[in-house]
Amino acid sequence: KLGEEDEVWDQSQTGAWERGSEEYEEMVKRMHASWTSQRDFAHMLECCLENDEVTYDTFYAVRDNEARWFDLEHAKAVIDYEPQDDASEWDSPPNVDEPKADD
């Protein structure tokens, strides 16, 4: 039988939290804090590839808003990283099954 600590570890690995639970809401906050859009990730990659001075460094490719806990100042100063997107604009997954207006 799994102990309570084992169950929490298993949930953290599978993302099996009940919607609306305290644990689920905490994980949503954490995911928003570390979320990166495809556009911002591509911009970070472009900044790294176009910089001829840096041979090795560590940068956080997250968006620039109040919920983040990663420091972006280093990436902004060294490689001119300027994220454009914000996780607060994404409160649910995009509806990929919705038909386009032309369909």
PDB file of N, CA and C in Angstrom:
ATOM      1  N   LYS A   1       0.849  -1.183   0.000  1.00  0.00           N
ATOM      2  CA  LYS A   1       0.000   0.000   0.000  1.00  0.00           C
ATOM      3  C   LYS A   1       0.891   1.241   0.000  1.00  0.00           C
ATOM      4  N   LEU A   2       0.511   2.212  -0.810  1.00  0.00           N
ATOM      5  CA  LEU A   2       1.266   3.460  -0.866  1.00  0.00           C
ATOM      6  C   LEU A   2       1.019   4.289   0.378  1.00  0.00           C
ATOM      7  N   GLY A   3       2.090   4.883   0.889  1.00  0.00           N
ATOM      8  CA  GLY A   3       1.948   5.821   1.981  1.00  0.00           C
ATOM      9  C   GLY A   3       1.525   7.175   1.435  1.00  0.00           C
ATOM     10  N   GLU A   4       1.185   8.098   2.326  1.00  0.00           N
ATOM     11  CA  GLU A   4       0.729   9.426   1.893  1.00  0.00           C
ATOM     12  C   GLU A   4       1.792  10.148   1.072  1.00  0.00           C
ATOM     13  N   GLU A   5       3.063  10.056   1.493  1.00  0.00           N
ATOM     14  CA  GLU A   5       4.142  10.712   0.747  1.00  0.00           C
ATOM     15  C   GLU A   5       4.286  10.111  -0.644  1.00  0.00           C
ATOM     16  N   ASP A   6       4.146   8.778  -0.744  1.00  0.00           N
ATOM     17  CA  ASP A   6       4.228   8.117  -2.047  1.00  0.00           C
ATOM     18  C   ASP A   6       3.095   8.561  -2.962  1.00  0.00           C
ATOM     19  N   GLU A   7       1.886   8.733  -2.406  1.00  0.00           N
ATOM     20  CA  GLU A   7       0.744   9.166  -3.205  1.00  0.00           C
ATOM     21  C   GLU A   7       0.957  10.578  -3.731  1.00  0.00           C
ATOM     22  N   VAL A   8       1.488  11.469  -2.900  1.00  0.00           N
ATOM     23  CA  VAL A   8       1.770  12.841  -3.332  1.00  0.00           C
ATOM     24  C   VAL A   8       2.818  12.827  -4.429  1.00  0.00           C
ATOM     25  N   TRP A   9       3.867  12.008  -4.271  1.00  0.00           N
ATOM     26  CA  TRP A   9       4.908  11.921  -5.302  1.00  0.00           C
ATOM     27  C   TRP A   9       4.308  11.411  -6.599  1.00  0.00           C
ATOM     28  N   ASP A  10       3.455  10.366  -6.517  1.00  0.00           N
ATOM     29  CA  ASP A  10       2.834   9.807  -7.715  1.00  0.00           C
ATOM     30  C   ASP A  10       1.961  10.851  -8.407  1.00  0.00           C
ATOM     31  N   GLN A  11       1.211  11.627  -7.648  1.00  0.00           N
ATOM     32  CA  GLN A  11       0.380  12.676  -8.241  1.00  0.00           C
ATOM     33  C   GLN A  11       1.238  13.724  -8.936  1.00  0.00           C
ATOM     34  N   SER A  12       2.374  14.067  -8.335  1.00  0.00           N
ATOM     35  CA  SER A  12       3.223  15.091  -8.943  1.00  0.00           C
ATOM     36  C   SER A  12       3.838  14.595 -10.239  1.00  0.00           C
ATOM     37  N   GLN A  13       4.016  13.294 -10.383  1.00  0.00           N
ATOM     38  CA  GLN A  13       4.588  12.733 -11.603  1.00  0.00           C
ATOM     39  C   GLN A  13       3.544  12.573 -12.707  1.00  0.00           C
ATOM     40  N   THR A  14       2.305  12.326 -12.334  1.00  0.00           N
ATOM     41  CA  THR A  14       1.269  12.069 -13.335  1.00  0.00           C
ATOM     42  C   THR A  14       0.338  13.246 -13.549  1.00  0.00           C
ATOM     43  N   GLY A  15       0.371  14.231 -12.646  1.00  0.00           N
ATOM     44  CA  GLY A  15      -0.547  15.360 -12.759  1.00  0.00           C
ATOM     45  C   GLY A  15      -1.980  14.983 -12.441  1.00  0.00           C
ATOM     46  N   ALA A  16      -2.155  13.970 -11.598  1.00  0.00           N
ATOM     47  CA  ALA A  16      -3.493  13.457 -11.298  1.00  0.00           C
ATOM     48  C   ALA A  16      -4.095  14.159 -10.090  1.00  0.00           C
ATOM     49  N   TRP A  17      -4.415  15.422 -10.234  1.00  0.00           N
ATOM     50  CA  TRP A  17      -5.072  16.163  -9.163  1.00  0.00           C
ATOM     51  C   TRP A  17      -6.521  16.378  -9.539  1.00  0.00           C
ATOM     52  N   GLU A  18      -7.370  16.375  -8.548  1.00  0.00           N
ATOM     53  CA  GLU A  18      -8.786  16.621  -8.799  1.00  0.00           C
ATOM     54  C   GLU A  18      -8.996  18.110  -9.038  1.00  0.00           C
ATOM     55  N   ARG A  19      -9.643  18.445 -10.162  1.00  0.00           N
ATOM     56  CA  ARG A  19      -9.900  19.855 -10.478  1.00  0.00           C
ATOM     57  C   ARG A  19     -10.630  20.517  -9.327  1.00  0.00           C
ATOM     58  N   GLY A  20     -10.194  21.719  -8.992  1.00  0.00           N
ATOM     59  CA  GLY A  20     -10.814  22.464  -7.916  1.00  0.00           C
ATOM     60  C   GLY A  20     -10.212  22.195  -6.554  1.00  0.00           C
ATOM     61  N   SER A  21      -9.394  21.148  -6.435  1.00  0.00           N
ATOM     62  CA  SER A  21      -8.772  20.857  -5.141  1.00  0.00           C
ATOM     63  C   SER A  21      -7.670  21.874  -4.865  1.00  0.00           C
ATOM     64  N   GLU A  22      -7.280  21.978  -3.616  1.00  0.00           N
ATOM     65  CA  GLU A  22      -6.215  22.901  -3.228  1.00  0.00           C
ATOM     66  C   GLU A  22      -4.908  22.557  -3.940  1.00  0.00           C
ATOM     67  N   GLU A  23      -4.609  21.272  -4.047  1.00  0.00           N
ATOM     68  CA  GLU A  23      -3.384  20.830  -4.720  1.00  0.00           C
ATOM     69  C   GLU A  23      -3.409  21.199  -6.201  1.00  0.00           C
ATOM     70  N   TYR A  24      -4.574  21.015  -6.830  1.00  0.00           N
ATOM     71  CA  TYR A  24      -4.721  21.348  -8.249  1.00  0.00           C
ATOM     72  C   TYR A  24      -4.490  22.844  -8.472  1.00  0.00           C
ATOM     73  N   GLU A  25      -5.112  23.674  -7.651  1.00  0.00           N
ATOM     74  CA  GLU A  25      -4.968  25.128  -7.794  1.00  0.00           C
ATOM     75  C   GLU A  25      -3.517  25.559  -7.583  1.00  0.00           C
ATOM     76  N   GLU A  26      -2.818  24.915  -6.652  1.00  0.00           N
ATOM     77  CA  GLU A  26      -1.401  25.228  -6.426  1.00  0.00           C
ATOM     78  C   GLU A  26      -0.568  24.858  -7.647  1.00  0.00           C
ATOM     79  N   MET A  27      -0.850  23.718  -8.245  1.00  0.00           N
ATOM     80  CA  MET A  27      -0.099  23.313  -9.436  1.00  0.00           C
ATOM     81  C   MET A  27      -0.393  24.230 -10.618  1.00  0.00           C
ATOM     82  N   VAL A  28      -1.612  24.709 -10.746  1.00  0.00           N
ATOM     83  CA  VAL A  28      -1.943  25.660 -11.814  1.00  0.00           C
ATOM     84  C   VAL A  28      -1.127  26.933 -11.635  1.00  0.00           C
ATOM     85  N   LYS A  29      -1.016  27.423 -10.401  1.00  0.00           N
ATOM     86  CA  LYS A  29      -0.196  28.615 -10.132  1.00  0.00           C
ATOM     87  C   LYS A  29       1.254  28.369 -10.523  1.00  0.00           C
ATOM     88  N   ARG A  30       1.782  27.206 -10.160  1.00  0.00           N
ATOM     89  CA  ARG A  30       3.176  26.880 -10.493  1.00  0.00           C
ATOM     90  C   ARG A  30       3.378  26.784 -12.002  1.00  0.00           C
ATOM     91  N   MET A  31       2.424  26.172 -12.691  1.00  0.00           N
ATOM     92  CA  MET A  31       2.557  26.052 -14.147  1.00  0.00           C
ATOM     93  C   MET A  31       2.485  27.420 -14.819  1.00  0.00           C
ATOM     94  N   HIS A  32       1.611  28.288 -14.345  1.00  0.00           N
ATOM     95  CA  HIS A  32       1.553  29.643 -14.899  1.00  0.00           C
ATOM     96  C   HIS A  32       2.862  30.387 -14.660  1.00  0.00           C
ATOM     97  N   ALA A  33       3.488  30.160 -13.510  1.00  0.00           N
ATOM     98  CA  ALA A  33       4.736  30.855 -13.184  1.00  0.00           C
ATOM     99  C   ALA A  33       5.897  30.414 -14.058  1.00  0.00           C
ATOM    100  N   SER A  34       5.841  29.207 -14.581  1.00  0.00           N
ATOM    101  CA  SER A  34       6.958  28.714 -15.392  1.00  0.00           C
ATOM    102  C   SER A  34       6.588  28.512 -16.860  1.00  0.00           C
ATOM    103  N   TRP A  35       5.410  28.955 -17.246  1.00  0.00           N
ATOM    104  CA  TRP A  35       4.916  28.762 -18.611  1.00  0.00           C
ATOM    105  C   TRP A  35       5.719  29.590 -19.603  1.00  0.00           C
ATOM    106  N   THR A  36       5.976  28.999 -20.764  1.00  0.00           N
ATOM    107  CA  THR A  36       6.642  29.697 -21.860  1.00  0.00           C
ATOM    108  C   THR A  36       5.877  29.406 -23.139  1.00  0.00           C
ATOM    109  N   SER A  37       5.539  30.445 -23.852  1.00  0.00           N
ATOM    110  CA  SER A  37       4.850  30.247 -25.132  1.00  0.00           C
ATOM    111  C   SER A  37       5.853  29.779 -26.180  1.00  0.00           C
ATOM    112  N   GLN A  38       5.347  29.227 -27.257  1.00  0.00           N
ATOM    113  CA  GLN A  38       6.224  28.829 -28.360  1.00  0.00           C
ATOM    114  C   GLN A  38       6.946  30.051 -28.914  1.00  0.00           C
ATOM    115  N   ARG A  39       6.234  31.174 -29.004  1.00  0.00           N
ATOM    116  CA  ARG A  39       6.846  32.397 -29.530  1.00  0.00           C
ATOM    117  C   ARG A  39       7.998  32.861 -28.637  1.00  0.00           C
ATOM    118  N   ASP A  40       7.797  32.870 -27.316  1.00  0.00           N
ATOM    119  CA  ASP A  40       8.866  33.306 -26.414  1.00  0.00           C
ATOM    120  C   ASP A  40      10.031  32.325 -26.406  1.00  0.00           C
ATOM    121  N   PHE A  41       9.737  31.022 -26.487  1.00  0.00           N
ATOM    122  CA  PHE A  41      10.821  30.042 -26.541  1.00  0.00           C
ATOM    123  C   PHE A  41      11.639  30.224 -27.818  1.00  0.00           C
ATOM    124  N   ALA A  42      10.957  30.425 -28.940  1.00  0.00           N
ATOM    125  CA  ALA A  42      11.659  30.643 -30.208  1.00  0.00           C
ATOM    126  C   ALA A  42      12.492  31.921 -30.143  1.00  0.00           C
ATOM    127  N   HIS A  43      11.957  32.948 -29.493  1.00  0.00           N
ATOM    128  CA  HIS A  43      12.700  34.206 -29.336  1.00  0.00           C
ATOM    129  C   HIS A  43      13.955  33.984 -28.486  1.00  0.00           C
ATOM    130  N   MET A  44      13.831  33.218 -27.394  1.00  0.00           N
ATOM    131  CA  MET A  44      14.991  32.919 -26.548  1.00  0.00           C
ATOM    132  C   MET A  44      16.051  32.178 -27.355  1.00  0.00           C
ATOM    133  N   LEU A  45      15.633  31.189 -28.111  1.00  0.00           N
ATOM    134  CA  LEU A  45      16.564  30.425 -28.935  1.00  0.00           C
ATOM    135  C   LEU A  45      17.242  31.327 -29.963  1.00  0.00           C
ATOM    136  N   GLU A  46      16.463  32.183 -30.598  1.00  0.00           N
ATOM    137  CA  GLU A  46      17.015  33.126 -31.575  1.00  0.00           C
ATOM    138  C   GLU A  46      18.033  34.066 -30.918  1.00  0.00           C
ATOM    139  N   CYS A  47      17.711  34.567 -29.730  1.00  0.00           N
ATOM    140  CA  CYS A  47      18.638  35.448 -29.004  1.00  0.00           C
ATOM    141  C   CYS A  47      19.956  34.733 -28.719  1.00  0.00           C
ATOM    142  N   CYS A  48      19.876  33.476 -28.325  1.00  0.00           N
ATOM    143  CA  CYS A  48      21.090  32.703 -28.031  1.00  0.00           C
ATOM    144  C   CYS A  48      21.911  32.459 -29.293  1.00  0.00           C
ATOM    145  N   LEU A  49      21.250  32.078 -30.371  1.00  0.00           N
ATOM    146  CA  LEU A  49      21.961  31.755 -31.608  1.00  0.00           C
ATOM    147  C   LEU A  49      22.570  32.985 -32.275  1.00  0.00           C
ATOM    148  N   GLU A  50      21.933  34.132 -32.108  1.00  0.00           N
ATOM    149  CA  GLU A  50      22.440  35.348 -32.742  1.00  0.00           C
ATOM    150  C   GLU A  50      23.525  36.041 -31.927  1.00  0.00           C
ATOM    151  N   ASN A  51      23.719  35.630 -30.683  1.00  0.00           N
ATOM    152  CA  ASN A  51      24.726  36.254 -29.830  1.00  0.00           C
ATOM    153  C   ASN A  51      26.069  35.568 -30.051  1.00  0.00           C
ATOM    154  N   ASP A  52      27.045  36.324 -30.537  1.00  0.00           N
ATOM    155  CA  ASP A  52      28.372  35.772 -30.826  1.00  0.00           C
ATOM    156  C   ASP A  52      29.325  35.843 -29.638  1.00  0.00           C
ATOM    157  N   GLU A  53      28.945  36.534 -28.576  1.00  0.00           N
ATOM    158  CA  GLU A  53      29.840  36.734 -27.438  1.00  0.00           C
ATOM    159  C   GLU A  53      29.708  35.655 -26.367  1.00  0.00           C
ATOM    160  N   VAL A  54      28.531  35.117 -26.175  1.00  0.00           N
ATOM    161  CA  VAL A  54      28.286  34.146 -25.108  1.00  0.00           C
ATOM    162  C   VAL A  54      28.553  32.738 -25.636  1.00  0.00           C
ATOM    163  N   THR A  55      29.461  32.026 -24.963  1.00  0.00           N
ATOM    164  CA  THR A  55      29.724  30.638 -25.354  1.00  0.00           C
ATOM    165  C   THR A  55      28.984  29.651 -24.448  1.00  0.00           C
ATOM    166  N   TYR A  56      28.680  30.071 -23.224  1.00  0.00           N
ATOM    167  CA  TYR A  56      27.939  29.217 -22.304  1.00  0.00           C
ATOM    168  C   TYR A  56      27.290  30.099 -21.248  1.00  0.00           C
ATOM    169  N   ASP A  57      26.034  29.823 -20.935  1.00  0.00           N
ATOM    170  CA  ASP A  57      25.343  30.546 -19.871  1.00  0.00           C
ATOM    171  C   ASP A  57      24.017  29.843 -19.603  1.00  0.00           C
ATOM    172  N   THR A  58      23.333  30.269 -18.583  1.00  0.00           N
ATOM    173  CA  THR A  58      22.022  29.728 -18.253  1.00  0.00           C
ATOM    174  C   THR A  58      21.023  30.868 -18.239  1.00  0.00           C
ATOM    175  N   PHE A  59      19.928  30.686 -18.967  1.00  0.00           N
ATOM    176  CA  PHE A  59      18.879  31.699 -19.036  1.00  0.00           C
ATOM    177  C   PHE A  59      17.532  31.029 -18.804  1.00  0.00           C
ATOM    178  N   TYR A  60      16.621  31.760 -18.200  1.00  0.00           N
ATOM    179  CA  TYR A  60      15.265  31.262 -18.001  1.00  0.00           C
ATOM    180  C   TYR A  60      14.374  31.832 -19.094  1.00  0.00           C
ATOM    181  N   ALA A  61      13.760  30.958 -19.858  1.00  0.00           N
ATOM    182  CA  ALA A  61      12.860  31.374 -20.939  1.00  0.00           C
ATOM    183  C   ALA A  61      11.425  31.317 -20.434  1.00  0.00           C
ATOM    184  N   VAL A  62      11.085  32.224 -19.550  1.00  0.00           N
ATOM    185  CA  VAL A  62       9.713  32.320 -19.064  1.00  0.00           C
ATOM    186  C   VAL A  62       9.195  33.705 -19.406  1.00  0.00           C
ATOM    187  N   ARG A  63       7.920  33.890 -19.257  1.00  0.00           N
ATOM    188  CA  ARG A  63       7.358  35.191 -19.594  1.00  0.00           C
ATOM    189  C   ARG A  63       7.578  36.170 -18.456  1.00  0.00           C
ATOM    190  N   ASP A  64       7.390  37.422 -18.741  1.00  0.00           N
ATOM    191  CA  ASP A  64       7.702  38.490 -17.796  1.00  0.00           C
ATOM    192  C   ASP A  64       6.423  38.997 -17.137  1.00  0.00           C
ATOM    193  N   ASN A  65       6.039  38.396 -16.014  1.00  0.00           N
ATOM    194  CA  ASN A  65       4.894  38.926 -15.275  1.00  0.00           C
ATOM    195  C   ASN A  65       5.085  38.691 -13.782  1.00  0.00           C
ATOM    196  N   GLU A  66       4.129  39.116 -13.002  1.00  0.00           N
ATOM    197  CA  GLU A  66       4.258  39.079 -11.546  1.00  0.00           C
ATOM    198  C   GLU A  66       4.325  37.675 -10.962  1.00  0.00           C
ATOM    199  N   ALA A  67       3.723  36.688 -11.609  1.00  0.00           N
ATOM    200  CA  ALA A  67       3.658  35.333 -11.043  1.00  0.00           C
ATOM    201  C   ALA A  67       4.984  34.587 -11.129  1.00  0.00           C
ATOM    202  N   ARG A  68       5.888  35.008 -11.988  1.00  0.00           N
ATOM    203  CA  ARG A  68       7.135  34.252 -12.164  1.00  0.00           C
ATOM    204  C   ARG A  68       8.034  34.410 -10.943  1.00  0.00           C
ATOM    205  N   TRP A  69       8.841  33.390 -10.717  1.00  0.00           N
ATOM    206  CA  TRP A  69       9.838  33.482  -9.646  1.00  0.00           C
ATOM    207  C   TRP A  69      11.243  33.382 -10.201  1.00  0.00           C
ATOM    208  N   PHE A  70      11.371  33.179 -11.510  1.00  0.00           N
ATOM    209  CA  PHE A  70      12.683  33.152 -12.148  1.00  0.00           C
ATOM    210  C   PHE A  70      13.090  34.570 -12.536  1.00  0.00           C
ATOM    211  N   ASP A  71      14.363  34.871 -12.401  1.00  0.00           N
ATOM    212  CA  ASP A  71      14.881  36.196 -12.727  1.00  0.00           C
ATOM    213  C   ASP A  71      15.189  36.288 -14.217  1.00  0.00           C
ATOM    214  N   LEU A  72      14.603  37.264 -14.885  1.00  0.00           N
ATOM    215  CA  LEU A  72      14.831  37.466 -16.316  1.00  0.00           C
ATOM    216  C   LEU A  72      15.869  38.542 -16.611  1.00  0.00           C
ATOM    217  N   GLU A  73      16.291  39.272 -15.603  1.00  0.00           N
ATOM    218  CA  GLU A  73      17.193  40.403 -15.840  1.00  0.00           C
ATOM    219  C   GLU A  73      18.497  39.971 -16.507  1.00  0.00           C
ATOM    220  N   HIS A  74      19.019  38.820 -16.130  1.00  0.00           N
ATOM    221  CA  HIS A  74      20.271  38.334 -16.720  1.00  0.00           C
ATOM    222  C   HIS A  74      20.086  38.083 -18.221  1.00  0.00           C
ATOM    223  N   ALA A  75      19.013  37.393 -18.594  1.00  0.00           N
ATOM    224  CA  ALA A  75      18.746  37.110 -20.015  1.00  0.00           C
ATOM    225  C   ALA A  75      18.486  38.396 -20.789  1.00  0.00           C
ATOM    226  N   LYS A  76      17.802  39.334 -20.168  1.00  0.00           N
ATOM    227  CA  LYS A  76      17.536  40.616 -20.836  1.00  0.00           C
ATOM    228  C   LYS A  76      18.835  41.378 -21.073  1.00  0.00           C
ATOM    229  N   ALA A  77      19.701  41.392 -20.078  1.00  0.00           N
ATOM    230  CA  ALA A  77      20.949  42.153 -20.180  1.00  0.00           C
ATOM    231  C   ALA A  77      21.962  41.506 -21.118  1.00  0.00           C
ATOM    232  N   VAL A  78      22.071  40.186 -21.086  1.00  0.00           N
ATOM    233  CA  VAL A  78      23.133  39.502 -21.834  1.00  0.00           C
ATOM    234  C   VAL A  78      22.749  39.214 -23.282  1.00  0.00           C
ATOM    235  N   ILE A  79      21.524  38.753 -23.520  1.00  0.00           N
ATOM    236  CA  ILE A  79      21.156  38.361 -24.892  1.00  0.00           C
ATOM    237  C   ILE A  79      19.942  39.120 -25.430  1.00  0.00           C
ATOM    238  N   ASP A  80      19.509  40.151 -24.713  1.00  0.00           N
ATOM    239  CA  ASP A  80      18.365  40.975 -25.147  1.00  0.00           C
ATOM    240  C   ASP A  80      17.053  40.200 -25.253  1.00  0.00           C
ATOM    241  N   TYR A  81      16.849  39.246 -24.356  1.00  0.00           N
ATOM    242  CA  TYR A  81      15.596  38.481 -24.339  1.00  0.00           C
ATOM    243  C   TYR A  81      14.471  39.359 -23.817  1.00  0.00           C
ATOM    244  N   GLU A  82      13.398  39.469 -24.580  1.00  0.00           N
ATOM    245  CA  GLU A  82      12.218  40.236 -24.188  1.00  0.00           C
ATOM    246  C   GLU A  82      10.965  39.401 -24.463  1.00  0.00           C
ATOM    247  N   PRO A  83      10.473  38.668 -23.460  1.00  0.00           N
ATOM    248  CA  PRO A  83       9.288  37.839 -23.682  1.00  0.00           C
ATOM    249  C   PRO A  83       8.065  38.687 -24.033  1.00  0.00           C
ATOM    250  N   GLN A  84       7.189  38.127 -24.846  1.00  0.00           N
ATOM    251  CA  GLN A  84       6.005  38.846 -25.322  1.00  0.00           C
ATOM    252  C   GLN A  84       4.702  38.342 -24.715  1.00  0.00           C
ATOM    253  N   ASP A  85       4.651  37.082 -24.339  1.00  0.00           N
ATOM    254  CA  ASP A  85       3.387  36.471 -23.937  1.00  0.00           C
ATOM    255  C   ASP A  85       3.269  36.338 -22.423  1.00  0.00           C
ATOM    256  N   ASP A  86       2.040  36.138 -21.956  1.00  0.00           N
ATOM    257  CA  ASP A  86       1.743  36.104 -20.531  1.00  0.00           C
ATOM    258  C   ASP A  86       0.780  34.951 -20.252  1.00  0.00           C
ATOM    259  N   ALA A  87       1.116  34.112 -19.304  1.00  0.00           N
ATOM    260  CA  ALA A  87       0.279  32.952 -18.990  1.00  0.00           C
ATOM    261  C   ALA A  87      -1.093  33.356 -18.477  1.00  0.00           C
ATOM    262  N   SER A  88      -1.231  34.544 -17.914  1.00  0.00           N
ATOM    263  CA  SER A  88      -2.542  34.949 -17.404  1.00  0.00           C
ATOM    264  C   SER A  88      -3.558  35.098 -18.534  1.00  0.00           C
ATOM    265  N   GLU A  89      -3.075  35.201 -19.777  1.00  0.00           N
ATOM    266  CA  GLU A  89      -3.971  35.270 -20.928  1.00  0.00           C
ATOM    267  C   GLU A  89      -4.510  33.884 -21.290  1.00  0.00           C
ATOM    268  N   TRP A  90      -3.921  32.840 -20.720  1.00  0.00           N
ATOM    269  CA  TRP A  90      -4.289  31.462 -21.043  1.00  0.00           C
ATOM    270  C   TRP A  90      -4.861  30.799 -19.797  1.00  0.00           C
ATOM    271  N   ASP A  91      -6.147  30.935 -19.574  1.00  0.00           N
ATOM    272  CA  ASP A  91      -6.743  30.311 -18.396  1.00  0.00           C
ATOM    273  C   ASP A  91      -7.321  28.934 -18.699  1.00  0.00           C
ATOM    274  N   SER A  92      -7.235  28.513 -19.956  1.00  0.00           N
ATOM    275  CA  SER A  92      -7.664  27.168 -20.334  1.00  0.00           C
ATOM    276  C   SER A  92      -6.940  26.780 -21.616  1.00  0.00           C
ATOM    277  N   PRO A  93      -6.911  25.488 -21.929  1.00  0.00           N
ATOM    278  CA  PRO A  93      -6.245  25.069 -23.164  1.00  0.00           C
ATOM    279  C   PRO A  93      -6.950  25.656 -24.380  1.00  0.00           C
ATOM    280  N   PRO A  94      -6.218  25.896 -25.459  1.00  0.00           N
ATOM    281  CA  PRO A  94      -6.872  26.389 -26.671  1.00  0.00           C
ATOM    282  C   PRO A  94      -7.838  25.336 -27.207  1.00  0.00           C
ATOM    283  N   ASN A  95      -8.909  25.774 -27.805  1.00  0.00           N
ATOM    284  CA  ASN A  95      -9.896  24.850 -28.352  1.00  0.00           C
ATOM    285  C   ASN A  95      -9.491  24.493 -29.773  1.00  0.00           C
ATOM    286  N   VAL A  96      -8.723  23.427 -29.913  1.00  0.00           N
ATOM    287  CA  VAL A  96      -8.207  23.038 -31.223  1.00  0.00           C
ATOM    288  C   VAL A  96      -9.259  22.329 -32.067  1.00  0.00           C
ATOM    289  N   ASP A  97     -10.336  21.868 -31.451  1.00  0.00           N
ATOM    290  CA  ASP A  97     -11.374  21.159 -32.191  1.00  0.00           C
ATOM    291  C   ASP A  97     -12.446  22.087 -32.750  1.00  0.00           C
ATOM    292  N   GLU A  98     -12.412  23.349 -32.360  1.00  0.00           N
ATOM    293  CA  GLU A  98     -13.426  24.290 -32.820  1.00  0.00           C
ATOM    294  C   GLU A  98     -13.232  24.574 -34.307  1.00  0.00           C
ATOM    295  N   PRO A  99     -14.277  24.437 -35.112  1.00  0.00           N
ATOM    296  CA  PRO A  99     -14.123  24.675 -36.551  1.00  0.00           C
ATOM    297  C   PRO A  99     -13.837  26.137 -36.843  1.00  0.00           C
ATOM    298  N   LYS A 100     -13.090  26.365 -37.897  1.00  0.00           N
ATOM    299  CA  LYS A 100     -12.781  27.723 -38.327  1.00  0.00           C
ATOM    300  C   LYS A 100     -14.021  28.330 -38.975  1.00  0.00           C
ATOM    301  N   ALA A 101     -14.074  29.657 -39.053  1.00  0.00           N
ATOM    302  CA  ALA A 101     -15.223  30.355 -39.624  1.00  0.00           C
ATOM    303  C   ALA A 101     -15.455  29.966 -41.080  1.00  0.00           C
ATOM    304  N   ASP A 102     -14.390  29.609 -41.805  1.00  0.00           N
ATOM    305  CA  ASP A 102     -14.497  29.253 -43.219  1.00  0.00           C
ATOM    306  C   ASP A 102     -15.081  27.865 -43.437  1.00  0.00           C
ATOM    307  N   ASP A 103     -15.039  27.010 -42.414  1.00  0.00           N
ATOM    308  CA  ASP A 103     -15.464  25.603 -42.568  1.00  0.00           C
ATOM    309  C   ASP A 103     -16.964  25.463 -42.625  1.00  0.00           C
TER     310      ASP A 103
END
